[in-house]
Amino acid sequence: MDCTVESTESPADRDRRVDFMLREMVVEEALLSLERGRSPRRFTLEEVADFVGVAPQSIMRLEESALEIMKEKMKKSMI
């Protein structure tokens, strides 16, 4: 099921929705894994994109951006 709604949202609205949905997905899976005594499940790019309602390319861009931010923060903390 493709629930992409990108064309009807402003970029700011999409960013807020994607951020909220990704956090919800992570928290939900973490709670389930703790409850069931198992490791957290790994999701495919397509599963994440479908859950959030954006194209897989959007998730890839978000991941690349997040990794760059983490790299910069790690560099600063080592100085």
C-alpha atoms as a PDB file:
ATOM      1  CA  MET A   1       0.000   0.000   0.000  1.00  0.00           C
ATOM      2  CA  ASP A   2       1.429   3.346  -1.013  1.00  0.00           C
ATOM      3  CA  CYS A   3       0.157   6.213   1.126  1.00  0.00           C
ATOM      4  CA  THR A   4       2.358   8.937  -0.324  1.00  0.00           C
ATOM      5  CA  VAL A   5       0.943  12.397   0.377  1.00  0.00           C
ATOM      6  CA  GLU A   6       3.984  14.464  -0.533  1.00  0.00           C
ATOM      7  CA  SER A   7       2.290  16.413  -3.312  1.00  0.00           C
ATOM      8  CA  THR A   8      -0.312  17.992  -1.001  1.00  0.00           C
ATOM      9  CA  GLU A   9       2.000  19.047   1.852  1.00  0.00           C
ATOM     10  CA  SER A  10       4.295  21.975   2.286  1.00  0.00           C
ATOM     11  CA  PRO A  11       7.931  20.986   2.837  1.00  0.00           C
ATOM     12  CA  ALA A  12       7.750  22.144   6.473  1.00  0.00           C
ATOM     13  CA  ASP A  13       4.571  20.138   7.114  1.00  0.00           C
ATOM     14  CA  ARG A  14       6.125  17.072   5.486  1.00  0.00           C
ATOM     15  CA  ASP A  15       9.288  17.405   7.587  1.00  0.00           C
ATOM     16  CA  ARG A  16       7.276  17.619  10.811  1.00  0.00           C
ATOM     17  CA  ARG A  17       5.117  14.640   9.829  1.00  0.00           C
ATOM     18  CA  VAL A  18       8.089  12.523   8.768  1.00  0.00           C
ATOM     19  CA  ASP A  19       9.970  13.333  11.971  1.00  0.00           C
ATOM     20  CA  PHE A  20       6.956  12.424  14.092  1.00  0.00           C
ATOM     21  CA  MET A  21       6.271   9.197  12.174  1.00  0.00           C
ATOM     22  CA  LEU A  22       9.892   8.027  12.317  1.00  0.00           C
ATOM     23  CA  ARG A  23      10.044   8.658  16.057  1.00  0.00           C
ATOM     24  CA  GLU A  24       6.748   6.804  16.501  1.00  0.00           C
ATOM     25  CA  MET A  25       8.025   3.840  14.470  1.00  0.00           C
ATOM     26  CA  VAL A  26      11.246   3.610  16.493  1.00  0.00           C
ATOM     27  CA  VAL A  27       9.527   3.922  19.876  1.00  0.00           C
ATOM     28  CA  GLU A  28       6.809   1.427  18.956  1.00  0.00           C
ATOM     29  CA  GLU A  29       9.354  -1.163  17.831  1.00  0.00           C
ATOM     30  CA  ALA A  30      11.575  -0.571  20.879  1.00  0.00           C
ATOM     31  CA  LEU A  31       8.651  -1.104  23.242  1.00  0.00           C
ATOM     32  CA  LEU A  32       7.552  -4.254  21.418  1.00  0.00           C
ATOM     33  CA  SER A  33      11.059  -5.693  21.479  1.00  0.00           C
ATOM     34  CA  LEU A  34      11.418  -5.013  25.222  1.00  0.00           C
ATOM     35  CA  GLU A  35       7.991  -6.458  25.915  1.00  0.00           C
ATOM     36  CA  ARG A  36       8.777  -9.631  23.951  1.00  0.00           C
ATOM     37  CA  GLY A  37      12.405  -9.962  25.049  1.00  0.00           C
ATOM     38  CA  ARG A  38      13.883  -9.787  21.579  1.00  0.00           C
ATOM     39  CA  SER A  39      16.154  -7.556  19.540  1.00  0.00           C
ATOM     40  CA  PRO A  40      14.486  -4.690  17.677  1.00  0.00           C
ATOM     41  CA  ARG A  41      13.361  -5.571  14.173  1.00  0.00           C
ATOM     42  CA  ARG A  42      15.153  -4.124  11.164  1.00  0.00           C
ATOM     43  CA  PHE A  43      12.955  -2.409   8.596  1.00  0.00           C
ATOM     44  CA  THR A  44      13.572  -2.168   4.865  1.00  0.00           C
ATOM     45  CA  LEU A  45      13.772   1.201   3.169  1.00  0.00           C
ATOM     46  CA  GLU A  46      10.444   0.499   1.477  1.00  0.00           C
ATOM     47  CA  GLU A  47       8.755  -0.407   4.781  1.00  0.00           C
ATOM     48  CA  VAL A  48       9.936   2.822   6.396  1.00  0.00           C
ATOM     49  CA  ALA A  49       8.908   4.924   3.399  1.00  0.00           C
ATOM     50  CA  ASP A  50       5.469   3.308   3.271  1.00  0.00           C
ATOM     51  CA  PHE A  51       4.916   3.745   7.021  1.00  0.00           C
ATOM     52  CA  VAL A  52       5.876   7.403   6.863  1.00  0.00           C
ATOM     53  CA  GLY A  53       4.100   8.075   3.567  1.00  0.00           C
ATOM     54  CA  VAL A  54       7.009   9.385   1.507  1.00  0.00           C
ATOM     55  CA  ALA A  55       9.094   8.077  -1.362  1.00  0.00           C
ATOM     56  CA  PRO A  56      12.075   5.837  -0.519  1.00  0.00           C
ATOM     57  CA  GLN A  57      14.371   8.537  -1.928  1.00  0.00           C
ATOM     58  CA  SER A  58      13.158  10.930   0.773  1.00  0.00           C
ATOM     59  CA  ILE A  59      14.108   8.442   3.476  1.00  0.00           C
ATOM     60  CA  MET A  60      17.530   7.993   1.875  1.00  0.00           C
ATOM     61  CA  ARG A  61      18.089  11.783   1.890  1.00  0.00           C
ATOM     62  CA  LEU A  62      17.029  11.980   5.533  1.00  0.00           C
ATOM     63  CA  GLU A  63      19.407   9.176   6.445  1.00  0.00           C
ATOM     64  CA  GLU A  64      22.313  10.827   4.621  1.00  0.00           C
ATOM     65  CA  SER A  65      21.576  14.141   6.321  1.00  0.00           C
ATOM     66  CA  ALA A  66      21.327  12.525   9.767  1.00  0.00           C
ATOM     67  CA  LEU A  67      24.641  10.720   9.267  1.00  0.00           C
ATOM     68  CA  GLU A  68      26.358  13.978   8.281  1.00  0.00           C
ATOM     69  CA  ILE A  69      24.985  15.721  11.367  1.00  0.00           C
ATOM     70  CA  MET A  70      26.212  12.867  13.570  1.00  0.00           C
ATOM     71  CA  LYS A  71      29.677  12.969  11.974  1.00  0.00           C
ATOM     72  CA  GLU A  72      29.948  16.709  12.615  1.00  0.00           C
ATOM     73  CA  LYS A  73      28.855  16.328  16.234  1.00  0.00           C
ATOM     74  CA  MET A  74      31.364  13.521  16.773  1.00  0.00           C
ATOM     75  CA  LYS A  75      34.168  15.646  15.309  1.00  0.00           C
ATOM     76  CA  LYS A  76      33.280  18.538  17.610  1.00  0.00           C
ATOM     77  CA  SER A  77      33.148  16.297  20.678  1.00  0.00           C
ATOM     78  CA  MET A  78      36.659  14.961  19.964  1.00  0.00           C
ATOM     79  CA  ILE A  79      38.229  18.432  19.882  1.00  0.00           C
END
